[in-house]
Amino acid sequence: VPKTDGTLWAWGRNVHGELAQNNRTNYSSPVQIPGTTWSSVAGLGSRVLALKTNGTLWSWGYNNVGQLGLNNTTNYSSPVQVPGTTWAKLPVSGQEDTGGGSAAIKTDGTLWVWGDQYFYGQLGLNEQGVGSRKSSPIQIPGTTWSNVATGKKNTMATKTDGTLWVMGDNE
């Protein structure tokens, strides 16, 4: 969680640049992530999604199948902006490994997903296989999404009417 002054700090393992220091050095003490207008953050294993107070979404870290939403599969060790300026909510939880999908909700209540769904269909796009991986945000139908959580094999989201929607593996 960002500090009250809008700064964001990280420490620990940094194999894929997930500490946003423009390197892959591990840190045993807190280091500041560039910027002072961070409003929320979601650590999703080896990648990070973070919102700024101006509604922009930023990502960095591991990106082998497009989990960062940047229309490529390049790993980034510094924050890079995901297209758009009306992002409002990040996943309330996420998987602790490198795979899986990413998601976020915009101010208009739309839900957007990207990343891996190779075996499980966890992006909710009724697709599986290599071609189903998405490196850019894709909208899920509807405009009343209120919260989202991502996992290695599924995505769960709630709507403003209190209903729960689950996409992916039913293992």
Protein backbone atom coordinates (compact mmCIF):
# COMPACT_ATOMS: atom_id res chain seq x y z
CA VAL A 1 0.00 0.00 0.00
CA PRO A 2 1.40 3.44 -0.83
CA LYS A 3 2.30 5.71 2.06
CA THR A 4 0.09 8.72 2.83
CA ASP A 5 2.56 10.93 0.91
CA GLY A 6 1.91 8.90 -2.29
CA THR A 7 5.26 7.13 -2.28
CA LEU A 8 5.54 3.41 -2.88
CA TRP A 9 8.28 1.22 -1.41
CA ALA A 10 9.42 -2.33 -2.10
CA TRP A 11 12.05 -4.84 -1.03
CA GLY A 12 12.96 -8.50 -1.51
CA ARG A 13 13.53 -10.65 -4.54
CA ASN A 14 13.89 -8.77 -7.82
CA VAL A 15 14.61 -11.47 -10.42
CA HIS A 16 12.35 -9.93 -13.10
CA GLY A 17 12.59 -6.26 -12.07
CA GLU A 18 9.46 -6.40 -9.91
CA LEU A 19 10.94 -3.84 -7.47
CA ALA A 20 10.98 -1.16 -10.22
CA GLN A 21 14.58 -0.08 -9.65
CA ASN A 22 15.66 -0.44 -13.30
CA ASN A 23 17.77 -3.44 -12.29
CA ARG A 24 17.45 -6.99 -11.08
CA THR A 25 19.22 -6.57 -7.73
CA ASN A 26 17.61 -8.08 -4.62
CA TYR A 27 17.03 -5.59 -1.76
CA SER A 28 16.84 -6.43 1.93
CA SER A 29 15.82 -2.87 2.87
CA PRO A 30 12.98 -0.76 1.43
CA VAL A 31 13.69 1.15 -1.80
CA GLN A 32 11.37 3.79 -3.23
CA ILE A 33 9.63 3.10 -6.51
CA PRO A 34 9.87 6.21 -8.71
CA GLY A 35 6.95 8.62 -8.32
CA THR A 36 4.95 10.27 -5.55
CA THR A 37 1.33 9.94 -6.72
CA TRP A 38 0.69 6.21 -6.24
CA SER A 39 -2.81 5.39 -4.94
CA SER A 40 -2.90 1.56 -4.89
CA VAL A 41 -0.79 -1.45 -5.78
CA ALA A 42 -1.29 -5.15 -6.51
CA GLY A 43 1.68 -7.48 -6.23
CA LEU A 44 0.94 -10.44 -8.50
CA GLY A 45 3.85 -12.81 -8.02
CA SER A 46 6.68 -11.64 -10.24
CA ARG A 47 4.82 -8.62 -11.62
CA VAL A 48 3.19 -5.51 -10.19
CA LEU A 49 0.20 -3.39 -11.20
CA ALA A 50 -0.16 0.06 -9.63
CA LEU A 51 -2.55 2.99 -9.97
CA LYS A 52 -1.68 6.66 -9.74
CA THR A 53 -4.04 9.31 -8.40
CA ASN A 54 -4.65 10.58 -11.98
CA GLY A 55 -6.27 7.27 -13.03
CA THR A 56 -3.30 5.90 -14.92
CA LEU A 57 -2.30 2.24 -14.61
CA TRP A 58 1.35 1.18 -14.49
CA SER A 59 2.96 -2.25 -14.61
CA TRP A 60 6.40 -3.82 -14.34
CA GLY A 61 8.15 -7.15 -13.81
CA TYR A 62 7.68 -10.53 -15.52
CA ASN A 63 5.81 -10.46 -18.82
CA ASN A 64 6.41 -13.72 -20.71
CA VAL A 65 2.83 -13.94 -22.06
CA GLY A 66 1.71 -10.31 -21.85
CA GLN A 67 0.72 -10.18 -18.16
CA LEU A 68 1.75 -6.49 -17.98
CA GLY A 69 -0.86 -5.37 -20.57
CA LEU A 70 1.71 -3.52 -22.70
CA ASN A 71 1.06 -5.29 -26.04
CA ASN A 72 4.34 -7.21 -25.85
CA THR A 73 6.14 -9.90 -23.89
CA THR A 74 9.10 -7.81 -22.68
CA ASN A 75 10.03 -7.82 -18.98
CA TYR A 76 10.29 -4.33 -17.46
CA SER A 77 12.29 -3.30 -14.40
CA SER A 78 10.76 0.20 -14.26
CA PRO A 79 7.08 1.27 -14.29
CA VAL A 80 5.50 1.49 -17.76
CA GLN A 81 2.05 2.97 -18.36
CA VAL A 82 -0.73 0.68 -19.57
CA PRO A 83 -2.86 2.61 -22.12
CA GLY A 84 -5.78 4.58 -20.67
CA THR A 85 -6.42 7.18 -17.99
CA THR A 86 -9.63 6.00 -16.31
CA TRP A 87 -8.41 2.99 -14.34
CA ALA A 88 -10.00 2.73 -10.88
CA LYS A 89 -9.48 -0.68 -9.19
CA LEU A 90 -6.81 -3.35 -9.13
CA PRO A 91 -7.22 -7.02 -8.18
CA VAL A 92 -7.91 -7.48 -4.47
CA SER A 93 -5.68 -10.56 -4.61
CA GLY A 94 -3.57 -12.46 -7.08
CA GLN A 95 -1.47 -15.53 -7.68
CA GLU A 96 2.04 -15.89 -6.29
CA ASP A 97 3.70 -17.38 -9.36
CA THR A 98 4.72 -15.98 -12.73
CA GLY A 99 1.75 -17.23 -14.73
CA GLY A 100 -1.89 -16.34 -14.87
CA GLY A 101 -3.85 -13.36 -15.96
CA SER A 102 -4.15 -9.75 -14.89
CA ALA A 103 -7.26 -7.60 -14.53
CA ALA A 104 -8.43 -4.12 -13.58
CA ILE A 105 -11.67 -2.14 -13.45
CA LYS A 106 -12.17 1.30 -14.97
CA THR A 107 -14.15 4.21 -13.50
CA ASP A 108 -17.12 3.36 -15.77
CA GLY A 109 -17.44 -0.10 -14.15
CA THR A 110 -15.95 -2.03 -17.08
CA LEU A 111 -13.70 -5.03 -16.37
CA TRP A 112 -10.56 -5.56 -18.42
CA VAL A 113 -8.38 -8.70 -18.53
CA TRP A 114 -5.06 -9.70 -20.12
CA GLY A 115 -2.27 -12.23 -19.82
CA ASP A 116 -2.34 -16.02 -19.76
CA GLN A 117 -5.30 -18.35 -20.10
CA TYR A 118 -3.55 -21.09 -22.08
CA PHE A 119 -5.11 -24.09 -20.30
CA TYR A 120 -7.81 -22.71 -18.06
CA GLY A 121 -9.74 -19.90 -19.77
CA GLN A 122 -9.33 -17.68 -16.71
CA LEU A 123 -9.66 -14.46 -18.73
CA GLY A 124 -13.34 -15.24 -19.39
CA LEU A 125 -13.01 -14.89 -23.16
CA ASN A 126 -14.25 -18.42 -24.03
CA GLU A 127 -10.83 -19.31 -25.49
CA GLN A 128 -7.98 -21.69 -24.72
CA GLY A 129 -4.59 -22.48 -26.27
CA VAL A 130 -1.59 -20.44 -27.36
CA GLY A 131 -3.66 -17.94 -29.38
CA SER A 132 -5.82 -17.11 -26.36
CA ARG A 133 -3.05 -15.25 -24.53
CA LYS A 134 -3.67 -11.48 -24.57
CA SER A 135 -0.92 -8.90 -24.15
CA SER A 136 -3.30 -5.92 -24.19
CA PRO A 137 -6.39 -5.31 -22.03
CA ILE A 138 -9.62 -6.84 -23.42
CA GLN A 139 -13.02 -5.82 -22.03
CA ILE A 140 -15.33 -8.36 -20.41
CA PRO A 141 -18.98 -7.51 -21.20
CA GLY A 142 -20.82 -5.39 -18.66
CA THR A 143 -20.47 -2.07 -16.87
CA THR A 144 -21.32 -2.91 -13.28
CA TRP A 145 -18.16 -4.69 -12.12
CA SER A 146 -17.11 -3.74 -8.59
CA ASN A 147 -14.15 -5.96 -7.58
CA VAL A 148 -11.85 -8.52 -9.17
CA ALA A 149 -9.37 -11.15 -7.97
CA THR A 150 -6.98 -13.09 -10.21
CA GLY A 151 -5.51 -16.53 -9.70
CA LYS A 152 -3.27 -18.92 -11.56
CA LYS A 153 -6.24 -20.85 -12.92
CA ASN A 154 -9.22 -18.51 -12.53
CA THR A 155 -10.52 -14.98 -12.20
CA MET A 156 -13.34 -14.02 -9.84
CA ALA A 157 -15.25 -10.75 -10.00
CA THR A 158 -18.25 -9.23 -8.28
CA LYS A 159 -20.83 -6.90 -9.70
CA THR A 160 -22.54 -4.01 -7.94
CA ASP A 161 -25.68 -6.19 -7.50
CA GLY A 162 -23.66 -8.55 -5.27
CA THR A 163 -23.36 -11.41 -7.76
CA LEU A 164 -20.09 -13.34 -8.02
CA TRP A 165 -18.72 -14.38 -11.43
CA VAL A 166 -15.97 -16.99 -11.83
CA MET A 167 -13.97 -17.68 -14.99
CA GLY A 168 -11.47 -20.45 -15.58
CA ASP A 169 -10.72 -23.85 -14.11
CA ASN A 170 -13.29 -25.55 -11.91
CA GLU A 171 -10.73 -27.92 -10.38
